[in-house]
Amino acid sequence: RVHMEEDTGKSLHVGGATGRIHGADYSLLDYNRAGIPLVEIVTKIVPGTGKYAPEVAKAYVAELRDILRGLKVSDVKMEQGSLRC
């Protein structure tokens, strides 16, 4: 399934040991990406992968990245946030 959505921004939790909201001293809201369209792809579980599920997921994302790059619909740079998983 593919869902088309709109990014709403993100919360940044400052202080505390985990960087999560529980135990944080305060939170900041980053609206830098607000309004940016995004596509969310939801897949079925691949039965029988067991302990290899992380490797299967990695291969799936790598293949998807190559397809999106080949079609020139995205630069799919995780470090810039154009591909998140």
C-alpha atoms as a PDB file:
ATOM      1  CA  ARG A   1       0.000   0.000   0.000  1.00  0.00           C
ATOM      2  CA  VAL A   2       1.094   3.537  -0.685  1.00  0.00           C
ATOM      3  CA  HIS A   3      -0.092   6.502   1.367  1.00  0.00           C
ATOM      4  CA  MET A   4       0.394  10.094   0.269  1.00  0.00           C
ATOM      5  CA  GLU A   5       0.789  12.395   3.248  1.00  0.00           C
ATOM      6  CA  GLU A   6       2.168  15.763   4.248  1.00  0.00           C
ATOM      7  CA  ASP A   7       5.027  16.172   6.695  1.00  0.00           C
ATOM      8  CA  THR A   8       3.947  18.048   9.810  1.00  0.00           C
ATOM      9  CA  GLY A   9       7.333  18.686  11.390  1.00  0.00           C
ATOM     10  CA  LYS A  10       9.088  16.960  14.240  1.00  0.00           C
ATOM     11  CA  SER A  11       9.621  17.220  17.973  1.00  0.00           C
ATOM     12  CA  LEU A  12      13.088  17.519  19.473  1.00  0.00           C
ATOM     13  CA  HIS A  13      13.308  16.550  23.139  1.00  0.00           C
ATOM     14  CA  VAL A  14      16.240  18.164  24.944  1.00  0.00           C
ATOM     15  CA  GLY A  15      17.833  16.900  28.132  1.00  0.00           C
ATOM     16  CA  GLY A  16      17.527  13.561  29.810  1.00  0.00           C
ATOM     17  CA  ALA A  17      19.448  10.424  28.997  1.00  0.00           C
ATOM     18  CA  THR A  18      17.420   9.106  26.051  1.00  0.00           C
ATOM     19  CA  GLY A  19      16.408  12.138  24.004  1.00  0.00           C
ATOM     20  CA  ARG A  20      12.782  11.055  24.351  1.00  0.00           C
ATOM     21  CA  ILE A  21       9.901  13.067  25.772  1.00  0.00           C
ATOM     22  CA  HIS A  22       9.919  11.191  29.105  1.00  0.00           C
ATOM     23  CA  GLY A  23      12.668  12.707  31.221  1.00  0.00           C
ATOM     24  CA  ALA A  24      13.367  15.573  28.815  1.00  0.00           C
ATOM     25  CA  ASP A  25      13.904  19.040  30.261  1.00  0.00           C
ATOM     26  CA  TYR A  26      12.009  20.677  27.402  1.00  0.00           C
ATOM     27  CA  SER A  27      10.883  20.083  23.824  1.00  0.00           C
ATOM     28  CA  LEU A  28      11.386  22.056  20.635  1.00  0.00           C
ATOM     29  CA  LEU A  29       9.224  21.892  17.515  1.00  0.00           C
ATOM     30  CA  ASP A  30      10.927  21.894  14.114  1.00  0.00           C
ATOM     31  CA  TYR A  31       8.561  22.964  11.331  1.00  0.00           C
ATOM     32  CA  ASN A  32      11.333  23.076   8.718  1.00  0.00           C
ATOM     33  CA  ARG A  33       9.755  20.227   6.698  1.00  0.00           C
ATOM     34  CA  ALA A  34       6.121  21.143   7.407  1.00  0.00           C
ATOM     35  CA  GLY A  35       3.990  21.005   4.285  1.00  0.00           C
ATOM     36  CA  ILE A  36       6.461  18.842   2.367  1.00  0.00           C
ATOM     37  CA  PRO A  37       4.628  16.023   0.559  1.00  0.00           C
ATOM     38  CA  LEU A  38       5.718  12.500   1.378  1.00  0.00           C
ATOM     39  CA  VAL A  39       4.862   8.991   0.282  1.00  0.00           C
ATOM     40  CA  GLU A  40       4.632   6.208   2.834  1.00  0.00           C
ATOM     41  CA  ILE A  41       4.965   2.632   1.577  1.00  0.00           C
ATOM     42  CA  VAL A  42       3.532  -0.124   3.765  1.00  0.00           C
ATOM     43  CA  THR A  43       4.514  -3.705   2.952  1.00  0.00           C
ATOM     44  CA  LYS A  44       3.351  -7.109   4.077  1.00  0.00           C
ATOM     45  CA  ILE A  45       5.454  -9.236   6.381  1.00  0.00           C
ATOM     46  CA  VAL A  46       7.650 -11.701   4.508  1.00  0.00           C
ATOM     47  CA  PRO A  47       6.924 -15.032   6.191  1.00  0.00           C
ATOM     48  CA  GLY A  48       9.807 -17.321   7.033  1.00  0.00           C
ATOM     49  CA  THR A  49      12.488 -14.643   7.306  1.00  0.00           C
ATOM     50  CA  GLY A  50      12.827 -15.025  11.080  1.00  0.00           C
ATOM     51  CA  LYS A  51      16.205 -13.820  12.269  1.00  0.00           C
ATOM     52  CA  TYR A  52      17.033 -12.635   8.730  1.00  0.00           C
ATOM     53  CA  ALA A  53      14.208 -10.069   8.709  1.00  0.00           C
ATOM     54  CA  PRO A  54      16.605  -7.090   9.181  1.00  0.00           C
ATOM     55  CA  GLU A  55      18.697  -8.201   6.196  1.00  0.00           C
ATOM     56  CA  VAL A  56      15.570  -8.741   4.083  1.00  0.00           C
ATOM     57  CA  ALA A  57      14.311  -5.266   5.025  1.00  0.00           C
ATOM     58  CA  LYS A  58      17.705  -3.745   4.183  1.00  0.00           C
ATOM     59  CA  ALA A  59      17.713  -5.432   0.763  1.00  0.00           C
ATOM     60  CA  TYR A  60      14.129  -4.273   0.125  1.00  0.00           C
ATOM     61  CA  VAL A  61      14.958  -0.649   0.939  1.00  0.00           C
ATOM     62  CA  ALA A  62      18.139  -0.797  -1.170  1.00  0.00           C
ATOM     63  CA  GLU A  63      16.164  -2.120  -4.154  1.00  0.00           C
ATOM     64  CA  LEU A  64      13.440   0.484  -3.658  1.00  0.00           C
ATOM     65  CA  ARG A  65      16.105   3.203  -3.429  1.00  0.00           C
ATOM     66  CA  ASP A  66      17.652   2.057  -6.714  1.00  0.00           C
ATOM     67  CA  ILE A  67      14.258   2.028  -8.452  1.00  0.00           C
ATOM     68  CA  LEU A  68      13.325   5.515  -7.205  1.00  0.00           C
ATOM     69  CA  ARG A  69      16.730   6.870  -8.199  1.00  0.00           C
ATOM     70  CA  GLY A  70      16.535   5.183 -11.621  1.00  0.00           C
ATOM     71  CA  LEU A  71      13.098   6.671 -12.280  1.00  0.00           C
ATOM     72  CA  LYS A  72      14.441  10.071 -11.155  1.00  0.00           C
ATOM     73  CA  VAL A  73      11.493  10.653  -8.822  1.00  0.00           C
ATOM     74  CA  SER A  74      13.738  11.219  -5.791  1.00  0.00           C
ATOM     75  CA  ASP A  75      17.405  11.625  -4.964  1.00  0.00           C
ATOM     76  CA  VAL A  76      16.743   9.198  -2.054  1.00  0.00           C
ATOM     77  CA  LYS A  77      19.425  10.598   0.247  1.00  0.00           C
ATOM     78  CA  MET A  78      18.782   9.348   3.778  1.00  0.00           C
ATOM     79  CA  GLU A  79      21.181  11.880   5.274  1.00  0.00           C
ATOM     80  CA  GLN A  80      19.035  14.691   3.843  1.00  0.00           C
ATOM     81  CA  GLY A  81      15.736  13.080   4.800  1.00  0.00           C
ATOM     82  CA  SER A  82      14.475  12.320   1.294  1.00  0.00           C
ATOM     83  CA  LEU A  83      14.339   8.616   2.218  1.00  0.00           C
ATOM     84  CA  ARG A  84      13.362   7.559   5.709  1.00  0.00           C
ATOM     85  CA  CYS A  85      12.722   4.076   6.993  1.00  0.00           C
END
